[in-house]
């Protein structure tokens, strides 16, 4: 389970994912994951500031079983570039045959803790 300080962000991310799914707006191609929750939340702020088009959701279990943040977008190269400039490393996945395939990065992810 995540640290309690991340609980509000987790609730927000799950609510956003639910809304995207029921409105059929979660059809972006690339899933970007992070080493930890803090990096994912920091990435959201950076990407909003730089006016990137993306969605934030909880990281899908088939990418990482513990809790985390995923950025979902139809483009990833410029996102990765901006995040690297801000010292945030990422992994990028695409889904093929309903399974995630890593196309960029190699992180050692931190599990959630309480």
C-alpha atoms as a PDB file:
ATOM      1  CA  UNK A   1       0.000   0.000   0.000  1.00  0.00           C
ATOM      2  CA  UNK A   2       1.217   3.509  -0.740  1.00  0.00           C
ATOM      3  CA  UNK A   3       2.356   5.973   1.827  1.00  0.00           C
ATOM      4  CA  UNK A   4      -0.597   7.831   3.334  1.00  0.00           C
ATOM      5  CA  UNK A   5       0.598  11.126   1.854  1.00  0.00           C
ATOM      6  CA  UNK A   6      -0.079   9.670  -1.609  1.00  0.00           C
ATOM      7  CA  UNK A   7      -3.622   8.510  -0.797  1.00  0.00           C
ATOM      8  CA  UNK A   8      -5.382  11.635  -2.204  1.00  0.00           C
ATOM      9  CA  UNK A   9      -3.364  11.366  -5.435  1.00  0.00           C
ATOM     10  CA  UNK A  10      -4.278   7.684  -5.710  1.00  0.00           C
ATOM     11  CA  UNK A  11      -7.970   8.434  -5.304  1.00  0.00           C
ATOM     12  CA  UNK A  12      -7.715  11.183  -7.946  1.00  0.00           C
ATOM     13  CA  UNK A  13      -5.904   8.906 -10.402  1.00  0.00           C
ATOM     14  CA  UNK A  14      -8.412   6.076  -9.976  1.00  0.00           C
ATOM     15  CA  UNK A  15     -11.329   8.492 -10.432  1.00  0.00           C
ATOM     16  CA  UNK A  16      -9.733   9.924 -13.587  1.00  0.00           C
ATOM     17  CA  UNK A  17      -9.149   6.437 -14.986  1.00  0.00           C
ATOM     18  CA  UNK A  18     -12.797   5.511 -14.331  1.00  0.00           C
ATOM     19  CA  UNK A  19     -14.034   8.640 -16.120  1.00  0.00           C
ATOM     20  CA  UNK A  20     -11.681   8.064 -19.083  1.00  0.00           C
ATOM     21  CA  UNK A  21     -12.918   4.487 -19.410  1.00  0.00           C
ATOM     22  CA  UNK A  22     -16.643   5.240 -19.242  1.00  0.00           C
ATOM     23  CA  UNK A  23     -16.275   8.127 -21.694  1.00  0.00           C
ATOM     24  CA  UNK A  24     -14.093   6.013 -23.996  1.00  0.00           C
ATOM     25  CA  UNK A  25     -11.213   8.511 -23.768  1.00  0.00           C
ATOM     26  CA  UNK A  26      -8.480   6.105 -22.724  1.00  0.00           C
ATOM     27  CA  UNK A  27      -7.358   5.116 -26.183  1.00  0.00           C
ATOM     28  CA  UNK A  28      -3.866   6.630 -26.151  1.00  0.00           C
ATOM     29  CA  UNK A  29      -1.023   4.444 -27.361  1.00  0.00           C
ATOM     30  CA  UNK A  30       1.928   4.959 -24.992  1.00  0.00           C
ATOM     31  CA  UNK A  31       2.054   4.255 -21.254  1.00  0.00           C
ATOM     32  CA  UNK A  32       4.894   5.956 -19.401  1.00  0.00           C
ATOM     33  CA  UNK A  33       5.774   4.677 -15.932  1.00  0.00           C
ATOM     34  CA  UNK A  34       8.149   5.910 -13.260  1.00  0.00           C
ATOM     35  CA  UNK A  35      10.488   4.530 -10.609  1.00  0.00           C
ATOM     36  CA  UNK A  36       8.216   5.813  -7.831  1.00  0.00           C
ATOM     37  CA  UNK A  37       5.044   7.752  -7.102  1.00  0.00           C
ATOM     38  CA  UNK A  38       6.878  10.995  -6.343  1.00  0.00           C
ATOM     39  CA  UNK A  39       8.485  11.042  -9.806  1.00  0.00           C
ATOM     40  CA  UNK A  40       5.124  10.353 -11.453  1.00  0.00           C
ATOM     41  CA  UNK A  41       3.425  13.211  -9.611  1.00  0.00           C
ATOM     42  CA  UNK A  42       6.338  15.545 -10.378  1.00  0.00           C
ATOM     43  CA  UNK A  43       6.123  14.531 -14.059  1.00  0.00           C
ATOM     44  CA  UNK A  44       2.413  15.473 -14.128  1.00  0.00           C
ATOM     45  CA  UNK A  45       3.250  19.008 -12.963  1.00  0.00           C
ATOM     46  CA  UNK A  46       6.084  19.401 -15.463  1.00  0.00           C
ATOM     47  CA  UNK A  47       3.984  18.136 -18.368  1.00  0.00           C
ATOM     48  CA  UNK A  48       1.042  20.386 -17.458  1.00  0.00           C
ATOM     49  CA  UNK A  49       3.381  23.383 -17.219  1.00  0.00           C
ATOM     50  CA  UNK A  50       4.743  22.534 -20.685  1.00  0.00           C
ATOM     51  CA  UNK A  51       1.212  22.053 -22.085  1.00  0.00           C
ATOM     52  CA  UNK A  52       1.619  18.415 -23.161  1.00  0.00           C
ATOM     53  CA  UNK A  53      -1.480  16.429 -24.091  1.00  0.00           C
ATOM     54  CA  UNK A  54      -1.640  13.433 -21.730  1.00  0.00           C
ATOM     55  CA  UNK A  55      -3.755  11.582 -19.201  1.00  0.00           C
ATOM     56  CA  UNK A  56      -2.704  10.441 -15.726  1.00  0.00           C
ATOM     57  CA  UNK A  57      -3.894   7.103 -14.368  1.00  0.00           C
ATOM     58  CA  UNK A  58      -2.709   4.507 -11.863  1.00  0.00           C
ATOM     59  CA  UNK A  59      -0.013   2.374 -13.439  1.00  0.00           C
ATOM     60  CA  UNK A  60      -1.687  -0.735 -14.918  1.00  0.00           C
ATOM     61  CA  UNK A  61      -1.041  -3.915 -12.919  1.00  0.00           C
ATOM     62  CA  UNK A  62       0.387  -5.695 -15.936  1.00  0.00           C
ATOM     63  CA  UNK A  63       3.115  -3.021 -16.153  1.00  0.00           C
ATOM     64  CA  UNK A  64       3.862  -2.859 -12.404  1.00  0.00           C
ATOM     65  CA  UNK A  65       1.804  -4.657  -9.763  1.00  0.00           C
ATOM     66  CA  UNK A  66       2.475  -2.193  -6.962  1.00  0.00           C
ATOM     67  CA  UNK A  67       0.954   1.262  -6.944  1.00  0.00           C
ATOM     68  CA  UNK A  68       2.266   4.046  -9.134  1.00  0.00           C
ATOM     69  CA  UNK A  69       1.495   6.730 -11.679  1.00  0.00           C
ATOM     70  CA  UNK A  70       1.282   6.270 -15.436  1.00  0.00           C
ATOM     71  CA  UNK A  71       1.193   8.995 -18.054  1.00  0.00           C
ATOM     72  CA  UNK A  72      -0.760   7.977 -21.139  1.00  0.00           C
ATOM     73  CA  UNK A  73      -0.293   9.788 -24.435  1.00  0.00           C
ATOM     74  CA  UNK A  74      -0.226   9.315 -28.195  1.00  0.00           C
ATOM     75  CA  UNK A  75       3.334  10.683 -28.271  1.00  0.00           C
ATOM     76  CA  UNK A  76       6.264   9.931 -26.013  1.00  0.00           C
ATOM     77  CA  UNK A  77       9.560  11.180 -27.487  1.00  0.00           C
ATOM     78  CA  UNK A  78       9.187  14.842 -26.434  1.00  0.00           C
ATOM     79  CA  UNK A  79       7.697  13.828 -23.083  1.00  0.00           C
ATOM     80  CA  UNK A  80      10.721  11.627 -22.366  1.00  0.00           C
ATOM     81  CA  UNK A  81      13.076  14.428 -23.431  1.00  0.00           C
ATOM     82  CA  UNK A  82      11.471  17.020 -21.121  1.00  0.00           C
ATOM     83  CA  UNK A  83      11.334  14.595 -18.197  1.00  0.00           C
ATOM     84  CA  UNK A  84      14.997  13.596 -18.649  1.00  0.00           C
ATOM     85  CA  UNK A  85      15.902  17.309 -18.605  1.00  0.00           C
ATOM     86  CA  UNK A  86      14.185  17.374 -15.199  1.00  0.00           C
ATOM     87  CA  UNK A  87      16.044  14.262 -13.943  1.00  0.00           C
ATOM     88  CA  UNK A  88      13.038  11.947 -14.187  1.00  0.00           C
ATOM     89  CA  UNK A  89      13.730   8.561 -15.757  1.00  0.00           C
ATOM     90  CA  UNK A  90      10.898   6.601 -17.336  1.00  0.00           C
ATOM     91  CA  UNK A  91       9.883   3.393 -19.034  1.00  0.00           C
ATOM     92  CA  UNK A  92       7.550   3.470 -22.036  1.00  0.00           C
ATOM     93  CA  UNK A  93       5.165   0.666 -22.970  1.00  0.00           C
ATOM     94  CA  UNK A  94       2.759  -0.063 -25.804  1.00  0.00           C
ATOM     95  CA  UNK A  95       0.104  -2.752 -25.721  1.00  0.00           C
ATOM     96  CA  UNK A  96       0.284  -5.537 -28.276  1.00  0.00           C
ATOM     97  CA  UNK A  97      -2.300  -8.321 -28.105  1.00  0.00           C
ATOM     98  CA  UNK A  98      -3.496  -6.882 -24.764  1.00  0.00           C
ATOM     99  CA  UNK A  99      -0.038  -7.202 -23.191  1.00  0.00           C
ATOM    100  CA  UNK A 100       2.437  -4.406 -22.429  1.00  0.00           C
ATOM    101  CA  UNK A 101       5.662  -4.368 -24.407  1.00  0.00           C
ATOM    102  CA  UNK A 102       8.469  -2.138 -23.167  1.00  0.00           C
ATOM    103  CA  UNK A 103       9.883   0.061 -25.923  1.00  0.00           C
ATOM    104  CA  UNK A 104      12.039   2.435 -23.878  1.00  0.00           C
ATOM    105  CA  UNK A 105      13.864   2.586 -20.547  1.00  0.00           C
ATOM    106  CA  UNK A 106      14.914   0.219 -17.837  1.00  0.00           C
ATOM    107  CA  UNK A 107      14.012   1.222 -14.293  1.00  0.00           C
ATOM    108  CA  UNK A 108      14.306  -0.405 -10.947  1.00  0.00           C
ATOM    109  CA  UNK A 109      10.920   0.491  -9.539  1.00  0.00           C
ATOM    110  CA  UNK A 110      10.262   1.133  -5.893  1.00  0.00           C
ATOM    111  CA  UNK A 111       7.328  -0.644  -4.336  1.00  0.00           C
ATOM    112  CA  UNK A 112       4.727   1.143  -2.284  1.00  0.00           C
ATOM    113  CA  UNK A 113       5.129   1.384   1.423  1.00  0.00           C
ATOM    114  CA  UNK A 114       2.959   2.437   4.336  1.00  0.00           C
END
